[in-house]
Amino acid sequence: MSSFIGHTLTSIGIATTTQRPEKPTALSVLWLGWLCFIGLAPDMDYFVPPLYALRASLEDGVRITHSVVGALFFPLLTLLVLSRLRLKQETLRLYSIQACLVGLSHIVMDLLVGVWPLPLLWPFTSHLFKLPFGILPSAPSFHLENPYMYRNVTMEVGIFVPLYAGIYVMRYTHLPRWARVTCMSVLWACSAGFMAWAYTLPR
């Protein structure tokens, strides 16, 4: 599984690369916080006993919050609430896309770790899916004396910050196209380098 840092970076990255930059407001900060919650929500089974009981154990249970249905629970609930508000159609569409992308990003990232099998199609089937490789580091134990924590967090930051920064530069900066493509290529190469490092980790 990816760490809360990786999921939070991805939530922020999706939010900043899917809409034009604007002056922060209380509403935009609140919305960003909610997106971060959606991005972390599938891991609630660590803290909610009934969900933990349903998956039996971390190693061999069915983590129902890590299915497509489970990952989309809060995004769909958000869409239901947003549809009751008097939002512009364009804003409603943007928020809906962001919420769904952030929700699904959690299980995509966990799948790309290549360690824990996930019940992606639950409740239609309890079959577990797992990639035979991984390009993301797993979540370490967050203890100051744990050297693997610093290594894995460095990998996550090295993967996600350049990845989303490259998209942002390409979409929203006013540099000449050649300069934007060059910057994006350098940033993505940096991200790919950290992915290659993560790929070498034992699974």
N, C-alpha and C. Protein backbone atom coordinates (compact mmCIF):
# COMPACT_ATOMS: atom_id res chain seq x y z
N MET A 1 0.83 -1.20 0.00
CA MET A 1 0.00 0.00 0.00
C MET A 1 0.87 1.25 0.00
N SER A 2 0.42 2.28 -0.68
CA SER A 2 1.11 3.56 -0.64
C SER A 2 0.85 4.23 0.71
N SER A 3 1.72 5.16 1.08
CA SER A 3 1.57 5.84 2.36
C SER A 3 0.59 7.00 2.24
N PHE A 4 0.22 7.57 3.38
CA PHE A 4 -0.69 8.72 3.38
C PHE A 4 -0.03 9.91 2.69
N ILE A 5 1.30 9.96 2.68
CA ILE A 5 1.99 11.05 1.99
C ILE A 5 1.78 10.94 0.49
N GLY A 6 1.96 9.74 -0.05
CA GLY A 6 1.75 9.55 -1.48
C GLY A 6 0.33 9.83 -1.91
N HIS A 7 -0.65 9.36 -1.13
CA HIS A 7 -2.05 9.59 -1.47
C HIS A 7 -2.40 11.08 -1.37
N THR A 8 -1.85 11.76 -0.39
CA THR A 8 -2.12 13.19 -0.24
C THR A 8 -1.50 13.98 -1.39
N LEU A 9 -0.27 13.64 -1.76
CA LEU A 9 0.38 14.32 -2.88
C LEU A 9 -0.42 14.13 -4.17
N THR A 10 -0.94 12.93 -4.36
CA THR A 10 -1.73 12.67 -5.57
C THR A 10 -3.04 13.44 -5.55
N SER A 11 -3.69 13.53 -4.40
CA SER A 11 -4.93 14.31 -4.30
C SER A 11 -4.68 15.77 -4.64
N ILE A 12 -3.60 16.33 -4.10
CA ILE A 12 -3.25 17.72 -4.39
C ILE A 12 -2.86 17.86 -5.86
N GLY A 13 -2.12 16.89 -6.37
CA GLY A 13 -1.70 16.94 -7.77
C GLY A 13 -2.87 16.91 -8.73
N ILE A 14 -3.85 16.05 -8.47
CA ILE A 14 -5.04 15.98 -9.33
C ILE A 14 -5.80 17.30 -9.27
N ALA A 15 -5.94 17.85 -8.06
CA ALA A 15 -6.67 19.11 -7.91
C ALA A 15 -6.00 20.25 -8.67
N THR A 16 -4.68 20.35 -8.59
CA THR A 16 -3.97 21.49 -9.19
C THR A 16 -3.77 21.35 -10.70
N THR A 17 -3.83 20.13 -11.21
CA THR A 17 -3.60 19.96 -12.64
C THR A 17 -4.89 19.84 -13.45
N THR A 18 -6.04 19.84 -12.79
CA THR A 18 -7.31 19.73 -13.51
C THR A 18 -8.10 21.04 -13.52
N GLN A 19 -7.52 22.10 -12.95
CA GLN A 19 -8.19 23.39 -13.00
C GLN A 19 -7.16 24.51 -13.06
N ARG A 20 -7.53 25.60 -13.65
CA ARG A 20 -6.61 26.72 -13.79
C ARG A 20 -6.31 27.32 -12.42
N PRO A 21 -5.05 27.77 -12.22
CA PRO A 21 -4.70 28.35 -10.92
C PRO A 21 -5.52 29.61 -10.64
N GLU A 22 -5.91 29.75 -9.40
CA GLU A 22 -6.69 30.90 -8.98
C GLU A 22 -6.32 31.26 -7.56
N LYS A 23 -6.69 32.46 -7.13
CA LYS A 23 -6.39 32.90 -5.78
C LYS A 23 -7.13 32.02 -4.79
N PRO A 24 -6.39 31.48 -3.79
CA PRO A 24 -7.05 30.59 -2.82
C PRO A 24 -8.16 31.30 -2.05
N THR A 25 -9.25 30.58 -1.84
CA THR A 25 -10.35 31.07 -1.03
C THR A 25 -10.64 30.03 0.05
N ALA A 26 -11.45 30.41 1.02
CA ALA A 26 -11.82 29.46 2.07
C ALA A 26 -12.49 28.23 1.47
N LEU A 27 -13.34 28.47 0.44
CA LEU A 27 -14.04 27.36 -0.19
C LEU A 27 -13.08 26.43 -0.93
N SER A 28 -12.12 27.01 -1.65
CA SER A 28 -11.17 26.18 -2.40
C SER A 28 -10.27 25.38 -1.47
N VAL A 29 -9.88 25.97 -0.34
CA VAL A 29 -9.06 25.25 0.63
C VAL A 29 -9.87 24.12 1.27
N LEU A 30 -11.12 24.39 1.58
CA LEU A 30 -12.01 23.36 2.14
C LEU A 30 -12.19 22.22 1.15
N TRP A 31 -12.39 22.55 -0.12
CA TRP A 31 -12.56 21.52 -1.14
C TRP A 31 -11.30 20.68 -1.30
N LEU A 32 -10.12 21.33 -1.27
CA LEU A 32 -8.87 20.59 -1.38
C LEU A 32 -8.72 19.64 -0.19
N GLY A 33 -9.09 20.10 0.99
CA GLY A 33 -9.03 19.23 2.17
C GLY A 33 -9.95 18.03 2.03
N TRP A 34 -11.14 18.26 1.45
CA TRP A 34 -12.08 17.16 1.25
C TRP A 34 -11.53 16.17 0.22
N LEU A 35 -10.89 16.65 -0.82
CA LEU A 35 -10.29 15.76 -1.81
C LEU A 35 -9.20 14.90 -1.16
N CYS A 36 -8.42 15.51 -0.28
CA CYS A 36 -7.38 14.74 0.42
C CYS A 36 -8.02 13.66 1.28
N PHE A 37 -9.15 13.98 1.91
CA PHE A 37 -9.87 12.97 2.69
C PHE A 37 -10.34 11.83 1.79
N ILE A 38 -10.92 12.16 0.63
CA ILE A 38 -11.38 11.13 -0.30
C ILE A 38 -10.20 10.24 -0.72
N GLY A 39 -9.05 10.86 -0.96
CA GLY A 39 -7.88 10.10 -1.38
C GLY A 39 -7.37 9.13 -0.32
N LEU A 40 -7.61 9.46 0.93
CA LEU A 40 -7.16 8.60 2.04
C LEU A 40 -8.25 7.65 2.54
N ALA A 41 -9.49 7.92 2.18
CA ALA A 41 -10.64 7.22 2.77
C ALA A 41 -10.60 5.69 2.66
N PRO A 42 -10.13 5.10 1.55
CA PRO A 42 -10.14 3.63 1.51
C PRO A 42 -9.33 2.96 2.62
N ASP A 43 -8.40 3.70 3.22
CA ASP A 43 -7.62 3.12 4.32
C ASP A 43 -8.35 3.21 5.66
N MET A 44 -9.60 3.63 5.64
CA MET A 44 -10.36 3.72 6.89
C MET A 44 -10.55 2.35 7.53
N ASP A 45 -10.35 1.29 6.75
CA ASP A 45 -10.54 -0.03 7.35
C ASP A 45 -9.46 -0.35 8.38
N TYR A 46 -8.42 0.47 8.45
CA TYR A 46 -7.46 0.33 9.53
C TYR A 46 -8.06 0.77 10.87
N PHE A 47 -9.05 1.66 10.79
CA PHE A 47 -9.55 2.30 12.01
C PHE A 47 -11.01 1.99 12.33
N VAL A 48 -11.77 1.47 11.36
CA VAL A 48 -13.19 1.17 11.58
C VAL A 48 -13.33 -0.33 11.81
N PRO A 49 -13.59 -0.77 13.05
CA PRO A 49 -13.63 -2.21 13.38
C PRO A 49 -14.52 -3.06 12.48
N PRO A 50 -15.75 -2.62 12.14
CA PRO A 50 -16.58 -3.49 11.28
C PRO A 50 -15.93 -3.77 9.93
N LEU A 51 -15.28 -2.78 9.34
CA LEU A 51 -14.62 -2.99 8.06
C LEU A 51 -13.42 -3.92 8.24
N TYR A 52 -12.73 -3.76 9.35
CA TYR A 52 -11.59 -4.63 9.63
C TYR A 52 -12.06 -6.08 9.78
N ALA A 53 -13.20 -6.26 10.45
CA ALA A 53 -13.72 -7.61 10.65
C ALA A 53 -14.10 -8.24 9.32
N LEU A 54 -14.63 -7.43 8.40
CA LEU A 54 -15.04 -7.96 7.11
C LEU A 54 -13.85 -8.45 6.31
N ARG A 55 -12.70 -7.79 6.48
CA ARG A 55 -11.54 -8.23 5.72
C ARG A 55 -10.72 -9.27 6.48
N ALA A 56 -11.13 -9.57 7.71
CA ALA A 56 -10.54 -10.65 8.51
C ALA A 56 -9.12 -10.35 8.98
N SER A 57 -8.23 -10.02 8.10
CA SER A 57 -6.86 -9.69 8.49
C SER A 57 -6.22 -8.92 7.35
N LEU A 58 -5.16 -8.21 7.66
CA LEU A 58 -4.48 -7.42 6.64
C LEU A 58 -3.90 -8.29 5.54
N GLU A 59 -3.42 -9.47 5.92
CA GLU A 59 -2.70 -10.30 4.96
C GLU A 59 -3.61 -11.02 3.99
N ASP A 60 -4.71 -11.62 4.48
CA ASP A 60 -5.47 -12.50 3.60
C ASP A 60 -6.96 -12.17 3.55
N GLY A 61 -7.37 -11.07 4.12
CA GLY A 61 -8.78 -10.72 4.08
C GLY A 61 -9.14 -9.93 2.83
N VAL A 62 -10.43 -9.70 2.66
CA VAL A 62 -10.93 -8.93 1.52
C VAL A 62 -11.14 -7.49 1.97
N ARG A 63 -10.29 -6.60 1.53
CA ARG A 63 -10.38 -5.19 1.92
C ARG A 63 -11.40 -4.51 1.02
N ILE A 64 -12.65 -4.53 1.44
CA ILE A 64 -13.74 -4.07 0.58
C ILE A 64 -13.62 -2.59 0.23
N THR A 65 -12.95 -1.80 1.07
CA THR A 65 -12.78 -0.38 0.74
C THR A 65 -11.78 -0.19 -0.39
N HIS A 66 -11.05 -1.26 -0.75
CA HIS A 66 -10.08 -1.17 -1.83
C HIS A 66 -10.61 -1.81 -3.11
N SER A 67 -11.91 -1.76 -3.28
CA SER A 67 -12.55 -2.13 -4.54
C SER A 67 -12.95 -0.85 -5.26
N VAL A 68 -13.33 -0.98 -6.52
CA VAL A 68 -13.79 0.20 -7.27
C VAL A 68 -15.02 0.80 -6.59
N VAL A 69 -15.93 -0.07 -6.15
CA VAL A 69 -17.13 0.40 -5.46
C VAL A 69 -16.76 1.12 -4.17
N GLY A 70 -15.87 0.52 -3.39
CA GLY A 70 -15.45 1.12 -2.13
C GLY A 70 -14.75 2.45 -2.33
N ALA A 71 -13.88 2.52 -3.34
CA ALA A 71 -13.13 3.75 -3.60
C ALA A 71 -14.03 4.87 -4.09
N LEU A 72 -15.16 4.51 -4.73
CA LEU A 72 -16.06 5.53 -5.26
C LEU A 72 -17.20 5.89 -4.30
N PHE A 73 -17.21 5.29 -3.11
CA PHE A 73 -18.29 5.57 -2.16
C PHE A 73 -18.36 7.05 -1.81
N PHE A 74 -17.26 7.61 -1.35
CA PHE A 74 -17.27 9.02 -0.97
C PHE A 74 -17.37 9.96 -2.17
N PRO A 75 -16.71 9.66 -3.30
CA PRO A 75 -16.94 10.51 -4.48
C PRO A 75 -18.40 10.57 -4.90
N LEU A 76 -19.09 9.43 -4.91
CA LEU A 76 -20.51 9.43 -5.31
C LEU A 76 -21.37 10.14 -4.28
N LEU A 77 -21.03 9.98 -3.00
CA LEU A 77 -21.74 10.71 -1.95
C LEU A 77 -21.52 12.21 -2.12
N THR A 78 -20.30 12.58 -2.48
CA THR A 78 -19.99 13.99 -2.72
C THR A 78 -20.79 14.54 -3.89
N LEU A 79 -20.86 13.76 -4.96
CA LEU A 79 -21.64 14.19 -6.14
C LEU A 79 -23.10 14.40 -5.78
N LEU A 80 -23.64 13.53 -4.92
CA LEU A 80 -25.03 13.65 -4.50
C LEU A 80 -25.25 14.97 -3.76
N VAL A 81 -24.33 15.30 -2.86
CA VAL A 81 -24.44 16.55 -2.11
C VAL A 81 -24.25 17.75 -3.02
N LEU A 82 -23.25 17.69 -3.90
CA LEU A 82 -22.98 18.81 -4.79
C LEU A 82 -24.16 19.09 -5.73
N SER A 83 -24.85 18.02 -6.13
CA SER A 83 -25.99 18.19 -7.04
C SER A 83 -27.14 18.95 -6.39
N ARG A 84 -27.14 18.99 -5.04
CA ARG A 84 -28.18 19.71 -4.32
C ARG A 84 -27.83 21.18 -4.13
N LEU A 85 -26.59 21.53 -4.42
CA LEU A 85 -26.16 22.91 -4.25
C LEU A 85 -26.34 23.69 -5.55
N ARG A 86 -26.38 24.98 -5.42
CA ARG A 86 -26.57 25.83 -6.60
C ARG A 86 -25.20 26.19 -7.19
N LEU A 87 -24.59 25.20 -7.80
CA LEU A 87 -23.29 25.41 -8.42
C LEU A 87 -23.44 25.58 -9.92
N LYS A 88 -22.50 26.29 -10.51
CA LYS A 88 -22.48 26.38 -11.96
C LYS A 88 -22.22 24.99 -12.54
N GLN A 89 -22.78 24.73 -13.69
CA GLN A 89 -22.64 23.42 -14.31
C GLN A 89 -21.16 23.07 -14.52
N GLU A 90 -20.38 24.07 -14.91
CA GLU A 90 -18.96 23.84 -15.14
C GLU A 90 -18.25 23.46 -13.84
N THR A 91 -18.60 24.14 -12.76
CA THR A 91 -17.99 23.84 -11.46
C THR A 91 -18.41 22.46 -10.97
N LEU A 92 -19.66 22.13 -11.14
CA LEU A 92 -20.16 20.81 -10.73
C LEU A 92 -19.44 19.71 -11.50
N ARG A 93 -19.25 19.92 -12.79
CA ARG A 93 -18.55 18.92 -13.61
C ARG A 93 -17.11 18.76 -13.15
N LEU A 94 -16.43 19.88 -12.90
CA LEU A 94 -15.03 19.84 -12.46
C LEU A 94 -14.90 19.12 -11.13
N TYR A 95 -15.72 19.49 -10.16
CA TYR A 95 -15.65 18.87 -8.85
C TYR A 95 -15.97 17.38 -8.92
N SER A 96 -16.91 17.01 -9.78
CA SER A 96 -17.27 15.60 -9.92
C SER A 96 -16.10 14.80 -10.48
N ILE A 97 -15.46 15.34 -11.50
CA ILE A 97 -14.30 14.65 -12.10
C ILE A 97 -13.17 14.53 -11.08
N GLN A 98 -12.90 15.61 -10.37
CA GLN A 98 -11.82 15.58 -9.39
C GLN A 98 -12.09 14.55 -8.30
N ALA A 99 -13.30 14.53 -7.78
CA ALA A 99 -13.63 13.59 -6.70
C ALA A 99 -13.48 12.14 -7.17
N CYS A 100 -13.95 11.83 -8.36
CA CYS A 100 -13.86 10.45 -8.87
C CYS A 100 -12.41 10.06 -9.16
N LEU A 101 -11.64 10.98 -9.76
CA LEU A 101 -10.24 10.68 -10.04
C LEU A 101 -9.45 10.44 -8.76
N VAL A 102 -9.68 11.28 -7.77
CA VAL A 102 -8.97 11.12 -6.50
C VAL A 102 -9.35 9.81 -5.82
N GLY A 103 -10.64 9.49 -5.81
CA GLY A 103 -11.07 8.24 -5.20
C GLY A 103 -10.45 7.02 -5.87
N LEU A 104 -10.46 6.99 -7.19
CA LEU A 104 -9.91 5.84 -7.91
C LEU A 104 -8.38 5.81 -7.84
N SER A 105 -7.77 6.98 -7.64
CA SER A 105 -6.30 7.02 -7.58
C SER A 105 -5.77 6.16 -6.44
N HIS A 106 -6.54 6.05 -5.38
CA HIS A 106 -6.06 5.28 -4.22
C HIS A 106 -5.81 3.82 -4.58
N ILE A 107 -6.78 3.19 -5.22
CA ILE A 107 -6.60 1.77 -5.54
C ILE A 107 -5.61 1.58 -6.68
N VAL A 108 -5.52 2.55 -7.60
CA VAL A 108 -4.52 2.46 -8.67
C VAL A 108 -3.12 2.50 -8.08
N MET A 109 -2.90 3.43 -7.14
CA MET A 109 -1.59 3.54 -6.52
C MET A 109 -1.25 2.30 -5.71
N ASP A 110 -2.22 1.79 -4.95
CA ASP A 110 -1.96 0.58 -4.17
C ASP A 110 -1.67 -0.61 -5.07
N LEU A 111 -2.35 -0.66 -6.21
CA LEU A 111 -2.09 -1.74 -7.17
C LEU A 111 -0.67 -1.63 -7.73
N LEU A 112 -0.21 -0.40 -7.96
CA LEU A 112 1.12 -0.18 -8.54
C LEU A 112 2.25 -0.42 -7.54
N VAL A 113 1.90 -0.61 -6.27
CA VAL A 113 2.93 -1.02 -5.31
C VAL A 113 3.33 -2.47 -5.57
N GLY A 114 2.36 -3.27 -6.01
CA GLY A 114 2.66 -4.65 -6.40
C GLY A 114 2.89 -5.59 -5.24
N VAL A 115 2.30 -5.29 -4.07
CA VAL A 115 2.50 -6.14 -2.89
C VAL A 115 1.21 -6.81 -2.46
N TRP A 116 0.20 -5.99 -2.12
CA TRP A 116 -1.05 -6.54 -1.59
C TRP A 116 -2.07 -6.76 -2.70
N PRO A 117 -2.68 -7.95 -2.77
CA PRO A 117 -3.78 -8.18 -3.74
C PRO A 117 -5.02 -7.42 -3.32
N LEU A 118 -5.75 -6.88 -4.29
CA LEU A 118 -6.92 -6.05 -4.02
C LEU A 118 -8.18 -6.65 -4.64
N PRO A 119 -9.31 -6.55 -3.94
CA PRO A 119 -10.59 -7.07 -4.46
C PRO A 119 -11.28 -6.02 -5.33
N LEU A 120 -10.70 -5.71 -6.47
CA LEU A 120 -11.15 -4.58 -7.28
C LEU A 120 -12.61 -4.68 -7.69
N LEU A 121 -13.12 -5.88 -7.92
CA LEU A 121 -14.48 -6.04 -8.45
C LEU A 121 -15.50 -6.44 -7.38
N TRP A 122 -15.12 -6.35 -6.10
CA TRP A 122 -16.08 -6.62 -5.03
C TRP A 122 -17.21 -5.59 -5.14
N PRO A 123 -18.49 -5.94 -4.93
CA PRO A 123 -19.03 -7.20 -4.39
C PRO A 123 -19.40 -8.23 -5.45
N PHE A 124 -19.06 -7.97 -6.71
CA PHE A 124 -19.43 -8.90 -7.78
C PHE A 124 -18.59 -10.18 -7.71
N THR A 125 -17.36 -10.04 -7.25
CA THR A 125 -16.49 -11.20 -7.02
C THR A 125 -15.46 -10.81 -5.97
N SER A 126 -15.03 -11.79 -5.21
CA SER A 126 -14.00 -11.56 -4.19
C SER A 126 -12.61 -11.89 -4.72
N HIS A 127 -12.51 -12.11 -6.03
CA HIS A 127 -11.22 -12.41 -6.64
C HIS A 127 -10.25 -11.26 -6.38
N LEU A 128 -9.03 -11.59 -6.01
CA LEU A 128 -8.02 -10.59 -5.69
C LEU A 128 -7.10 -10.37 -6.88
N PHE A 129 -6.78 -9.11 -7.14
CA PHE A 129 -5.92 -8.75 -8.26
C PHE A 129 -4.61 -8.18 -7.72
N LYS A 130 -3.52 -8.60 -8.35
CA LYS A 130 -2.20 -8.12 -7.94
C LYS A 130 -1.28 -8.07 -9.15
N LEU A 131 -0.54 -6.98 -9.29
CA LEU A 131 0.41 -6.87 -10.38
C LEU A 131 1.67 -7.68 -10.05
N PRO A 132 2.31 -8.26 -11.06
CA PRO A 132 3.53 -9.04 -10.81
C PRO A 132 4.77 -8.16 -10.62
N PHE A 133 4.58 -6.85 -10.62
CA PHE A 133 5.69 -5.92 -10.44
C PHE A 133 5.18 -4.70 -9.67
N GLY A 134 6.07 -3.84 -9.27
CA GLY A 134 5.68 -2.62 -8.58
C GLY A 134 6.57 -1.47 -9.00
N ILE A 135 5.99 -0.29 -9.17
CA ILE A 135 6.79 0.89 -9.52
C ILE A 135 6.62 1.99 -8.47
N LEU A 136 5.92 1.66 -7.38
CA LEU A 136 5.77 2.57 -6.26
C LEU A 136 6.25 1.86 -4.99
N PRO A 137 6.80 2.62 -4.04
CA PRO A 137 7.22 2.00 -2.78
C PRO A 137 6.02 1.75 -1.88
N SER A 138 6.15 0.79 -1.00
CA SER A 138 5.08 0.51 -0.06
C SER A 138 5.16 1.48 1.12
N ALA A 139 4.07 1.55 1.87
CA ALA A 139 4.03 2.43 3.03
C ALA A 139 4.93 1.87 4.13
N PRO A 140 5.90 2.64 4.63
CA PRO A 140 6.78 2.16 5.68
C PRO A 140 6.17 2.40 7.05
N SER A 141 6.78 1.84 8.06
CA SER A 141 6.41 2.16 9.44
C SER A 141 6.97 3.54 9.76
N PHE A 142 6.11 4.43 10.22
CA PHE A 142 6.54 5.80 10.45
C PHE A 142 7.11 5.94 11.86
N HIS A 143 8.39 5.59 11.95
CA HIS A 143 9.16 5.76 13.17
C HIS A 143 10.45 6.50 12.80
N LEU A 144 10.85 7.44 13.62
CA LEU A 144 12.02 8.27 13.30
C LEU A 144 13.29 7.44 13.14
N GLU A 145 13.36 6.31 13.82
CA GLU A 145 14.56 5.48 13.75
C GLU A 145 14.52 4.48 12.58
N ASN A 146 13.45 4.51 11.80
CA ASN A 146 13.29 3.58 10.68
C ASN A 146 13.89 4.18 9.41
N PRO A 147 15.03 3.67 8.92
CA PRO A 147 15.65 4.24 7.72
C PRO A 147 14.82 4.02 6.47
N TYR A 148 14.01 2.95 6.45
CA TYR A 148 13.19 2.69 5.27
C TYR A 148 12.09 3.74 5.11
N MET A 149 11.69 4.36 6.21
CA MET A 149 10.69 5.42 6.12
C MET A 149 11.22 6.57 5.27
N TYR A 150 12.44 7.00 5.52
CA TYR A 150 13.02 8.11 4.78
C TYR A 150 13.24 7.74 3.31
N ARG A 151 13.65 6.50 3.09
CA ARG A 151 13.86 6.05 1.71
C ARG A 151 12.56 6.04 0.94
N ASN A 152 11.51 5.43 1.49
CA ASN A 152 10.25 5.31 0.77
C ASN A 152 9.55 6.64 0.59
N VAL A 153 9.62 7.51 1.60
CA VAL A 153 9.02 8.83 1.46
C VAL A 153 9.76 9.64 0.39
N THR A 154 11.09 9.52 0.36
CA THR A 154 11.87 10.19 -0.68
C THR A 154 11.44 9.72 -2.06
N MET A 155 11.20 8.42 -2.21
CA MET A 155 10.74 7.88 -3.49
C MET A 155 9.38 8.47 -3.87
N GLU A 156 8.45 8.49 -2.92
CA GLU A 156 7.12 9.00 -3.22
C GLU A 156 7.17 10.47 -3.64
N VAL A 157 7.91 11.27 -2.91
CA VAL A 157 8.04 12.69 -3.26
C VAL A 157 8.71 12.82 -4.63
N GLY A 158 9.75 12.01 -4.85
CA GLY A 158 10.47 12.06 -6.12
C GLY A 158 9.64 11.61 -7.31
N ILE A 159 8.66 10.75 -7.07
CA ILE A 159 7.78 10.29 -8.15
C ILE A 159 6.66 11.29 -8.42
N PHE A 160 5.95 11.70 -7.37
CA PHE A 160 4.70 12.43 -7.57
C PHE A 160 4.88 13.94 -7.78
N VAL A 161 5.82 14.55 -7.10
CA VAL A 161 6.00 16.00 -7.28
C VAL A 161 6.43 16.33 -8.71
N PRO A 162 7.47 15.69 -9.27
CA PRO A 162 7.81 15.98 -10.67
C PRO A 162 6.73 15.56 -11.67
N LEU A 163 6.02 14.47 -11.35
CA LEU A 163 4.96 14.00 -12.26
C LEU A 163 3.88 15.05 -12.45
N TYR A 164 3.35 15.56 -11.34
CA TYR A 164 2.28 16.55 -11.43
C TYR A 164 2.80 17.93 -11.78
N ALA A 165 4.03 18.23 -11.39
CA ALA A 165 4.64 19.52 -11.77
C ALA A 165 4.80 19.59 -13.29
N GLY A 166 5.15 18.47 -13.91
CA GLY A 166 5.29 18.45 -15.36
C GLY A 166 3.97 18.72 -16.06
N ILE A 167 2.90 18.13 -15.55
CA ILE A 167 1.57 18.37 -16.12
C ILE A 167 1.18 19.83 -15.95
N TYR A 168 1.45 20.37 -14.76
CA TYR A 168 1.10 21.77 -14.48
C TYR A 168 1.86 22.71 -15.41
N VAL A 169 3.15 22.47 -15.56
CA VAL A 169 3.97 23.33 -16.44
C VAL A 169 3.44 23.28 -17.86
N MET A 170 3.08 22.10 -18.33
CA MET A 170 2.62 21.95 -19.71
C MET A 170 1.27 22.62 -19.92
N ARG A 171 0.40 22.57 -18.94
CA ARG A 171 -0.97 23.06 -19.12
C ARG A 171 -1.15 24.54 -18.82
N TYR A 172 -0.44 25.03 -17.80
CA TYR A 172 -0.82 26.33 -17.28
C TYR A 172 0.25 27.41 -17.29
N THR A 173 1.47 27.09 -17.64
CA THR A 173 2.48 28.15 -17.73
C THR A 173 2.43 28.80 -19.10
N HIS A 174 3.02 30.00 -19.20
CA HIS A 174 2.99 30.76 -20.45
C HIS A 174 4.33 30.73 -21.17
N LEU A 175 5.14 29.73 -20.89
CA LEU A 175 6.40 29.57 -21.58
C LEU A 175 6.16 29.15 -23.02
N PRO A 176 7.13 29.39 -23.90
CA PRO A 176 7.01 28.85 -25.26
C PRO A 176 6.83 27.34 -25.23
N ARG A 177 6.17 26.83 -26.24
CA ARG A 177 5.85 25.39 -26.23
C ARG A 177 7.11 24.53 -26.08
N TRP A 178 8.19 24.89 -26.76
CA TRP A 178 9.41 24.08 -26.67
C TRP A 178 9.95 24.06 -25.24
N ALA A 179 9.82 25.20 -24.56
CA ALA A 179 10.31 25.27 -23.19
C ALA A 179 9.42 24.44 -22.26
N ARG A 180 8.10 24.49 -22.51
CA ARG A 180 7.19 23.69 -21.69
C ARG A 180 7.44 22.20 -21.88
N VAL A 181 7.64 21.79 -23.14
CA VAL A 181 7.89 20.38 -23.42
C VAL A 181 9.20 19.93 -22.79
N THR A 182 10.21 20.80 -22.87
CA THR A 182 11.51 20.47 -22.28
C THR A 182 11.41 20.31 -20.76
N CYS A 183 10.75 21.27 -20.12
CA CYS A 183 10.58 21.21 -18.66
C CYS A 183 9.80 19.97 -18.25
N MET A 184 8.71 19.69 -18.98
CA MET A 184 7.91 18.52 -18.66
C MET A 184 8.72 17.24 -18.83
N SER A 185 9.51 17.17 -19.90
CA SER A 185 10.31 15.97 -20.16
C SER A 185 11.33 15.74 -19.07
N VAL A 186 11.98 16.83 -18.61
CA VAL A 186 12.97 16.70 -17.54
C VAL A 186 12.31 16.25 -16.25
N LEU A 187 11.16 16.86 -15.93
CA LEU A 187 10.45 16.50 -14.70
C LEU A 187 9.96 15.06 -14.75
N TRP A 188 9.41 14.65 -15.88
CA TRP A 188 8.92 13.28 -16.00
C TRP A 188 10.07 12.27 -15.99
N ALA A 189 11.23 12.66 -16.54
CA ALA A 189 12.39 11.77 -16.50
C ALA A 189 12.83 11.57 -15.04
N CYS A 190 12.76 12.64 -14.27
CA CYS A 190 13.08 12.55 -12.84
C CYS A 190 12.11 11.60 -12.14
N SER A 191 10.83 11.76 -12.42
CA SER A 191 9.81 10.89 -11.84
C SER A 191 10.05 9.45 -12.24
N ALA A 192 10.35 9.22 -13.52
CA ALA A 192 10.60 7.86 -14.01
C ALA A 192 11.82 7.25 -13.34
N GLY A 193 12.82 8.08 -13.04
CA GLY A 193 14.02 7.59 -12.36
C GLY A 193 13.69 7.07 -10.97
N PHE A 194 12.84 7.79 -10.25
CA PHE A 194 12.43 7.32 -8.93
C PHE A 194 11.55 6.08 -9.03
N MET A 195 10.73 6.00 -10.09
CA MET A 195 9.94 4.78 -10.29
C MET A 195 10.85 3.58 -10.54
N ALA A 196 11.92 3.81 -11.32
CA ALA A 196 12.87 2.73 -11.58
C ALA A 196 13.55 2.28 -10.29
N TRP A 197 13.84 3.23 -9.42
CA TRP A 197 14.42 2.89 -8.12
C TRP A 197 13.43 2.06 -7.30
N ALA A 198 12.18 2.50 -7.28
CA ALA A 198 11.16 1.76 -6.53
C ALA A 198 10.96 0.35 -7.11
N TYR A 199 11.13 0.23 -8.42
CA TYR A 199 10.96 -1.07 -9.08
C TYR A 199 11.97 -2.09 -8.55
N THR A 200 13.13 -1.62 -8.10
CA THR A 200 14.18 -2.54 -7.65
C THR A 200 13.94 -3.06 -6.24
N LEU A 201 12.96 -2.51 -5.54
CA LEU A 201 12.70 -2.93 -4.16
C LEU A 201 12.16 -4.36 -4.14
N PRO A 202 12.50 -5.14 -3.12
CA PRO A 202 11.92 -6.49 -3.00
C PRO A 202 10.44 -6.42 -2.73
N ARG A 203 9.68 -7.31 -3.33
CA ARG A 203 8.22 -7.32 -3.17
C ARG A 203 7.78 -8.56 -2.40
